[in-house]
Amino acid sequence: MAHIVHNSERMLETEELKAVFTFVEEEYQDVRRHVPTRWLSLWPAVKRLHDSWRAIKSYFLSLGEDKCPNSLWQLLKNDEDGDGKPLELQVYLSFLNNVLKIFHDVVLLLEKEDRAVCELYDMMLTLKTKLQQRQIDSFFGMETSAILQQFPNQKAAAIKHDLSKFYQAALNYLEKWYDFTDNNYQKNVASLALKSKFTFSHLCDAVEVLQLRGKLDMDELYDEYCVTLPRQQDVVERRAPVVEKWSTLLQGTNTPNLTAVASFLLSIPITNASLETVFSLMTAAWTDQWNRCSVELIKSEIQVKTNFEYSCKEFYTYALKEKALLEAARSSKKYKVKKSI
């Protein structure tokens, strides 16, 4: 019964909020909630709040001091008379909407499946440089700057100090959890991202930090480097993922040592996103009802789900052309039958 009452109250609040959107002549949009375990939910939630600020502020002010949550009322009460002057809260909201987009874009890049570890150092250095330059220039976003101009100089200076502290906290966090020094192996393999031509010295640095020297013939590696050298310029000018660039560079060549370096490099996961995907697939496959499945079976199922992007119809068409696959499916060799004694 309490659950039904709670849902009814939520529906009533939603209808009241929709009415406020209509009153301020804005299109209604659901207010998003940030999920703490999902970085990518933070900026969209802040952006939705920012874009719907007039309507949401009007809604909570319309509740009055008695019905509005006290923490919100303390932030909004100065605009109770609707004089149009910006609230301090509005400055911070505008700033967060601007700066969190930077982090959001980086996380999106990191979670792309076609990103390689040789790209990671430059991505993190770019993020650090953006934050540093914003702090040096006291740049908080054009909208934020326009709002700040409506505050007294002393108050505006205090707010700017707070915003600058945000940049410093972000930079401190980056420095703590990511190694920007020359000791980071990711810096030594960055030249192999094929954004520009790499030298044999760059290749040797990568071999060293990846601890592959004992597994390669370095003299042959140099010859293989010379084979691919005339093709590098064409490859680096392509707008394609690193994996595709390396595939193009090595295509049609007899370069086992260089291929081994590229294969090892491109097999290193850039984040734990791929691991999380595997765990999710494993949890879905290895349920209480299917708890007697072997490790090999679950492994094979995950490999198929990860590496095949076919629809059911596309896979059916593909399977019909693969005689070896069809014969294996019909064979009894895949079954291990226990003999009765």
Protein backbone atom coordinates (compact mmCIF):
# COMPACT_ATOMS: atom_id res chain seq x y z
CA MET A 1 0.00 0.00 0.00
CA ALA A 2 2.83 2.39 0.89
CA HIS A 3 4.43 1.63 -2.47
CA ILE A 4 1.23 2.61 -4.30
CA VAL A 5 0.96 5.86 -2.32
CA HIS A 6 4.61 6.70 -3.07
CA ASN A 7 4.12 6.11 -6.80
CA SER A 8 0.96 8.25 -6.78
CA GLU A 9 2.87 11.09 -5.12
CA ARG A 10 5.65 10.80 -7.70
CA MET A 11 3.12 10.96 -10.55
CA LEU A 12 1.50 14.04 -9.01
CA GLU A 13 4.88 15.76 -8.65
CA THR A 14 5.70 14.96 -12.27
CA GLU A 15 2.43 16.46 -13.48
CA GLU A 16 3.06 19.60 -11.43
CA LEU A 17 6.57 19.88 -12.89
CA LYS A 18 5.17 19.48 -16.43
CA ALA A 19 2.75 22.32 -15.70
CA VAL A 20 5.64 24.58 -14.71
CA PHE A 21 7.50 23.73 -17.94
CA THR A 22 4.39 24.73 -19.87
CA PHE A 23 4.10 27.97 -17.89
CA VAL A 24 7.67 29.05 -18.67
CA GLU A 25 7.16 27.95 -22.29
CA GLU A 26 9.75 25.18 -22.30
CA GLU A 27 9.42 21.62 -23.57
CA TYR A 28 9.25 19.12 -20.72
CA GLN A 29 12.22 16.77 -20.27
CA ASP A 30 12.68 14.14 -17.59
CA VAL A 31 15.20 15.10 -14.94
CA ARG A 32 18.04 12.61 -15.19
CA ARG A 33 19.66 10.92 -12.24
CA HIS A 34 23.41 10.40 -11.98
CA VAL A 35 24.43 6.80 -11.24
CA PRO A 36 27.61 6.98 -9.11
CA THR A 37 29.08 3.82 -10.68
CA ARG A 38 28.64 5.18 -14.21
CA TRP A 39 30.87 8.13 -15.10
CA LEU A 40 29.01 8.69 -18.37
CA SER A 41 25.77 9.48 -16.54
CA LEU A 42 27.18 12.54 -14.73
CA TRP A 43 27.44 15.18 -17.46
CA PRO A 44 24.07 14.29 -19.14
CA ALA A 45 22.38 14.63 -15.73
CA VAL A 46 24.01 18.03 -15.11
CA LYS A 47 23.28 19.18 -18.67
CA ARG A 48 19.59 18.28 -18.38
CA LEU A 49 19.38 20.22 -15.11
CA HIS A 50 21.20 23.17 -16.70
CA ASP A 51 19.01 23.20 -19.82
CA SER A 52 15.81 23.04 -17.74
CA TRP A 53 17.01 25.45 -15.05
CA ARG A 54 14.22 28.06 -15.35
CA ALA A 55 11.45 25.49 -15.12
CA ILE A 56 13.01 23.45 -12.31
CA LYS A 57 13.84 26.55 -10.27
CA SER A 58 10.29 27.85 -10.71
CA TYR A 59 8.85 24.49 -9.68
CA PHE A 60 10.70 24.32 -6.36
CA LEU A 61 10.04 27.97 -5.60
CA SER A 62 6.33 27.36 -6.23
CA LEU A 63 6.34 24.74 -3.46
CA GLY A 64 7.15 27.41 -0.89
CA GLU A 65 9.40 27.13 2.14
CA ASP A 66 7.17 24.58 3.89
CA LYS A 67 7.08 21.99 1.07
CA CYS A 68 10.39 22.57 -0.67
CA PRO A 69 13.30 20.48 0.73
CA ASN A 70 15.21 22.73 3.13
CA SER A 71 18.60 22.24 1.43
CA LEU A 72 17.14 23.38 -1.89
CA TRP A 73 15.21 26.23 -0.35
CA GLN A 74 18.40 27.67 1.18
CA LEU A 75 19.91 27.75 -2.33
CA LEU A 76 16.87 29.14 -4.11
CA LYS A 77 15.21 31.45 -1.59
CA ASN A 78 17.10 34.56 -2.74
CA ASP A 79 15.17 34.39 -6.00
CA GLU A 80 11.79 34.02 -4.32
CA ASP A 81 10.66 37.40 -5.62
CA GLY A 82 11.66 36.50 -9.18
CA ASP A 83 13.75 39.64 -9.76
CA GLY A 84 15.70 37.88 -12.52
CA LYS A 85 19.10 38.24 -10.89
CA PRO A 86 21.22 35.06 -11.18
CA LEU A 87 21.73 32.88 -8.14
CA GLU A 88 25.13 31.77 -6.95
CA LEU A 89 23.98 28.22 -7.62
CA GLN A 90 23.43 29.13 -11.27
CA VAL A 91 27.09 30.03 -11.71
CA TYR A 92 28.29 26.67 -10.42
CA LEU A 93 25.72 24.80 -12.50
CA SER A 94 26.82 26.65 -15.65
CA PHE A 95 30.48 25.93 -14.89
CA LEU A 96 29.88 22.21 -14.27
CA ASN A 97 27.88 21.92 -17.46
CA ASN A 98 30.88 23.34 -19.32
CA VAL A 99 33.78 21.54 -17.65
CA LEU A 100 32.23 18.09 -17.17
CA LYS A 101 31.82 17.82 -20.94
CA ILE A 102 35.63 17.56 -21.17
CA PHE A 103 35.72 14.53 -18.87
CA HIS A 104 32.68 13.03 -20.58
CA ASP A 105 34.35 13.18 -24.00
CA VAL A 106 37.54 11.57 -22.70
CA VAL A 107 35.64 8.69 -21.07
CA LEU A 108 33.76 8.14 -24.35
CA LEU A 109 37.09 7.90 -26.17
CA LEU A 110 38.51 5.51 -23.58
CA GLU A 111 35.54 3.18 -23.81
CA LYS A 112 35.65 2.85 -27.60
CA GLU A 113 36.54 -0.67 -28.66
CA ASP A 114 38.93 0.48 -31.38
CA ARG A 115 41.21 2.49 -29.09
CA ALA A 116 44.76 1.24 -28.46
CA VAL A 117 47.10 1.63 -25.50
CA CYS A 118 49.59 3.59 -27.64
CA GLU A 119 46.98 6.38 -27.79
CA LEU A 120 46.39 6.59 -24.04
CA TYR A 121 49.31 8.83 -23.02
CA ASP A 122 48.45 11.55 -25.54
CA MET A 123 44.79 11.44 -24.53
CA MET A 124 45.59 11.89 -20.84
CA LEU A 125 48.20 14.57 -21.56
CA THR A 126 45.66 16.47 -23.67
CA LEU A 127 43.15 16.35 -20.81
CA LYS A 128 45.75 17.59 -18.34
CA THR A 129 46.84 20.40 -20.68
CA LYS A 130 43.24 21.56 -21.20
CA LEU A 131 42.64 21.80 -17.46
CA GLN A 132 45.96 23.55 -16.83
CA GLN A 133 45.34 26.15 -19.54
CA ARG A 134 41.81 26.81 -18.31
CA GLN A 135 43.16 27.41 -14.83
CA ILE A 136 45.95 29.72 -16.10
CA ASP A 137 43.51 31.74 -18.22
CA SER A 138 40.76 31.69 -15.57
CA PHE A 139 38.45 30.37 -18.27
CA PHE A 140 35.25 28.90 -16.86
CA GLY A 141 33.07 28.92 -19.99
CA MET A 142 31.56 31.93 -21.80
CA GLU A 143 28.14 31.55 -20.21
CA THR A 144 29.68 31.31 -16.74
CA SER A 145 31.75 34.45 -17.37
CA ALA A 146 28.63 36.35 -18.48
CA ILE A 147 26.78 35.37 -15.30
CA LEU A 148 29.75 36.32 -13.12
CA GLN A 149 29.69 39.85 -14.52
CA GLN A 150 26.31 40.36 -12.82
CA PHE A 151 27.81 39.82 -9.35
CA PRO A 152 29.71 42.41 -7.25
CA ASN A 153 33.46 42.24 -7.89
CA GLN A 154 34.31 40.79 -4.48
CA LYS A 155 31.69 38.04 -4.75
CA ALA A 156 32.68 37.24 -8.34
CA ALA A 157 36.33 36.94 -7.26
CA ALA A 158 35.39 34.51 -4.47
CA ILE A 159 33.40 32.34 -6.90
CA LYS A 160 36.25 32.36 -9.43
CA HIS A 161 38.58 31.20 -6.66
CA ASP A 162 36.25 28.24 -6.00
CA LEU A 163 36.12 27.34 -9.68
CA SER A 164 39.91 27.52 -9.95
CA LYS A 165 40.15 25.16 -6.95
CA PHE A 166 38.04 22.67 -8.94
CA TYR A 167 40.64 22.70 -11.70
CA GLN A 168 43.43 22.20 -9.17
CA ALA A 169 41.62 19.31 -7.49
CA ALA A 170 41.10 17.66 -10.89
CA LEU A 171 44.77 18.12 -11.79
CA ASN A 172 45.89 16.72 -8.43
CA TYR A 173 43.68 13.69 -9.01
CA LEU A 174 45.14 13.11 -12.47
CA GLU A 175 48.70 13.43 -11.16
CA LYS A 176 47.96 10.98 -8.36
CA TRP A 177 46.43 8.23 -10.51
CA TYR A 178 48.23 8.61 -13.84
CA ASP A 179 51.97 8.63 -14.44
CA PHE A 180 52.94 11.52 -16.73
CA THR A 181 56.69 10.94 -16.28
CA ASP A 182 59.13 9.37 -18.74
CA ASN A 183 58.91 6.14 -16.72
CA ASN A 184 55.41 5.44 -18.02
CA TYR A 185 55.68 2.74 -20.70
CA GLN A 186 52.65 4.24 -22.45
CA LYS A 187 54.73 7.32 -23.28
CA ASN A 188 57.35 5.10 -24.91
CA VAL A 189 54.81 3.38 -27.17
CA ALA A 190 52.89 6.57 -28.08
CA SER A 191 54.93 6.99 -31.28
CA LEU A 192 53.42 3.73 -32.59
CA ALA A 193 49.92 5.19 -32.72
CA LEU A 194 50.70 6.02 -36.38
CA LYS A 195 49.65 9.64 -36.08
CA SER A 196 53.06 10.48 -37.57
CA LYS A 197 55.97 8.49 -38.98
CA PHE A 198 57.99 6.55 -36.40
CA THR A 199 61.73 5.82 -36.44
CA PHE A 200 63.57 2.60 -35.68
CA SER A 201 64.66 4.20 -32.42
CA HIS A 202 60.99 4.62 -31.47
CA LEU A 203 60.43 0.98 -32.32
CA CYS A 204 63.38 -0.10 -30.15
CA ASP A 205 62.03 1.93 -27.21
CA ALA A 206 58.67 0.15 -27.55
CA VAL A 207 60.35 -3.28 -27.75
CA GLU A 208 62.33 -2.48 -24.61
CA VAL A 209 59.41 -1.34 -22.44
CA LEU A 210 57.22 -4.22 -23.67
CA GLN A 211 60.05 -6.62 -22.75
CA LEU A 212 60.04 -8.26 -26.17
CA ARG A 213 63.75 -7.98 -27.06
CA GLY A 214 64.53 -11.60 -26.14
CA LYS A 215 61.70 -12.87 -28.33
CA LEU A 216 62.61 -10.96 -31.50
CA ASP A 217 65.44 -10.87 -34.00
CA MET A 218 66.36 -7.18 -33.83
CA ASP A 219 68.41 -7.27 -37.04
CA GLU A 220 65.46 -8.70 -38.94
CA LEU A 221 63.18 -6.20 -37.22
CA TYR A 222 65.28 -3.39 -38.70
CA ASP A 223 64.97 -4.87 -42.20
CA GLU A 224 61.22 -5.19 -41.71
CA TYR A 225 61.06 -1.58 -40.54
CA CYS A 226 62.80 -0.54 -43.77
CA VAL A 227 60.23 -2.50 -45.79
CA THR A 228 57.33 -0.60 -44.22
CA LEU A 229 59.04 2.80 -44.11
CA PRO A 230 57.91 3.94 -47.61
CA ARG A 231 54.32 3.08 -46.69
CA GLN A 232 54.21 4.98 -43.40
CA GLN A 233 53.29 8.40 -44.76
CA ASP A 234 50.26 7.09 -46.62
CA VAL A 235 49.11 5.18 -43.53
CA VAL A 236 49.46 8.07 -41.05
CA GLU A 237 47.35 10.30 -43.31
CA ARG A 238 44.43 7.88 -43.18
CA ARG A 239 41.49 8.69 -40.91
CA ALA A 240 41.15 5.25 -39.37
CA PRO A 241 41.57 3.48 -36.00
CA VAL A 242 45.10 2.43 -35.03
CA VAL A 243 44.29 -1.24 -35.54
CA GLU A 244 43.24 -0.61 -39.14
CA LYS A 245 46.32 1.52 -39.77
CA TRP A 246 48.65 -1.24 -38.59
CA SER A 247 46.75 -3.79 -40.65
CA THR A 248 47.21 -1.61 -43.75
CA LEU A 249 50.89 -1.01 -42.99
CA LEU A 250 51.68 -4.73 -42.64
CA GLN A 251 49.34 -6.05 -45.32
CA GLY A 252 51.14 -8.09 -47.97
CA THR A 253 54.52 -7.93 -46.20
CA ASN A 254 56.70 -10.66 -44.70
CA THR A 255 57.33 -8.96 -41.35
CA PRO A 256 56.97 -11.53 -38.54
CA ASN A 257 58.92 -9.52 -35.95
CA LEU A 258 57.13 -6.23 -36.57
CA THR A 259 53.82 -8.08 -36.68
CA ALA A 260 54.61 -9.61 -33.28
CA VAL A 261 55.30 -6.14 -31.81
CA ALA A 262 52.05 -4.71 -33.25
CA SER A 263 50.01 -7.74 -32.14
CA PHE A 264 51.37 -7.55 -28.59
CA LEU A 265 50.83 -3.80 -28.40
CA LEU A 266 47.27 -3.89 -29.72
CA SER A 267 46.31 -6.73 -27.38
CA ILE A 268 46.83 -4.60 -24.25
CA PRO A 269 43.43 -3.34 -22.99
CA ILE A 270 43.24 0.43 -22.63
CA THR A 271 40.69 0.32 -19.77
CA ASN A 272 38.82 -2.30 -17.75
CA ALA A 273 35.68 -1.76 -19.88
CA SER A 274 36.37 -4.91 -21.89
CA LEU A 275 36.77 -6.91 -18.67
CA GLU A 276 33.46 -5.57 -17.35
CA THR A 277 31.81 -6.65 -20.61
CA VAL A 278 33.22 -10.17 -20.25
CA PHE A 279 32.01 -10.39 -16.63
CA SER A 280 28.53 -9.26 -17.69
CA LEU A 281 28.40 -11.87 -20.47
CA MET A 282 29.67 -14.55 -18.09
CA THR A 283 27.06 -13.68 -15.46
CA ALA A 284 24.31 -13.85 -18.08
CA ALA A 285 25.53 -17.23 -19.39
CA TRP A 286 26.46 -18.92 -16.10
CA THR A 287 23.14 -18.72 -14.25
CA ASP A 288 21.74 -20.87 -11.43
CA GLN A 289 19.85 -22.87 -14.06
CA TRP A 290 23.00 -23.42 -16.15
CA ASN A 291 25.48 -23.88 -13.31
CA ARG A 292 26.81 -27.22 -14.63
CA CYS A 293 28.22 -25.67 -17.81
CA SER A 294 31.94 -26.26 -18.22
CA VAL A 295 34.48 -23.45 -18.24
CA GLU A 296 35.31 -24.28 -21.87
CA LEU A 297 31.66 -24.00 -22.91
CA ILE A 298 31.20 -20.60 -21.24
CA LYS A 299 34.52 -19.44 -22.71
CA SER A 300 33.41 -20.46 -26.21
CA GLU A 301 30.03 -18.76 -25.80
CA ILE A 302 31.65 -15.50 -24.66
CA GLN A 303 34.13 -15.63 -27.56
CA VAL A 304 31.27 -15.99 -30.03
CA LYS A 305 29.26 -13.15 -28.47
CA THR A 306 32.31 -10.90 -28.33
CA ASN A 307 33.75 -11.53 -31.78
CA PHE A 308 30.64 -12.05 -33.90
CA GLU A 309 28.45 -9.06 -34.64
CA TYR A 310 26.09 -10.94 -36.97
CA SER A 311 22.34 -10.92 -36.53
CA CYS A 312 20.68 -14.35 -36.34
CA LYS A 313 19.79 -14.13 -40.05
CA GLU A 314 23.33 -13.06 -41.01
CA PHE A 315 24.90 -15.86 -38.97
CA TYR A 316 22.55 -18.41 -40.55
CA THR A 317 23.65 -17.29 -44.02
CA TYR A 318 27.31 -17.39 -42.93
CA ALA A 319 27.02 -20.86 -41.36
CA LEU A 320 25.48 -22.39 -44.50
CA LYS A 321 28.69 -21.56 -46.39
CA GLU A 322 31.02 -23.05 -43.77
CA LYS A 323 31.15 -26.81 -44.36
CA ALA A 324 33.66 -27.44 -41.57
CA LEU A 325 31.40 -25.66 -39.09
CA LEU A 326 28.34 -27.63 -40.19
CA GLU A 327 30.20 -30.93 -39.97
CA ALA A 328 31.42 -30.05 -36.47
CA ALA A 329 27.87 -29.20 -35.41
CA ARG A 330 26.58 -32.57 -36.70
CA SER A 331 29.46 -34.54 -35.20
CA SER A 332 29.14 -36.38 -31.91
CA LYS A 333 32.77 -35.65 -30.99
CA LYS A 334 31.70 -32.54 -29.10
CA TYR A 335 29.79 -34.72 -26.58
CA LYS A 336 31.39 -36.59 -23.74
CA VAL A 337 29.01 -39.45 -22.91
CA LYS A 338 29.52 -41.24 -19.65
CA LYS A 339 29.52 -45.00 -20.12
CA SER A 340 27.24 -46.87 -17.76
CA ILE A 341 28.91 -49.62 -15.79
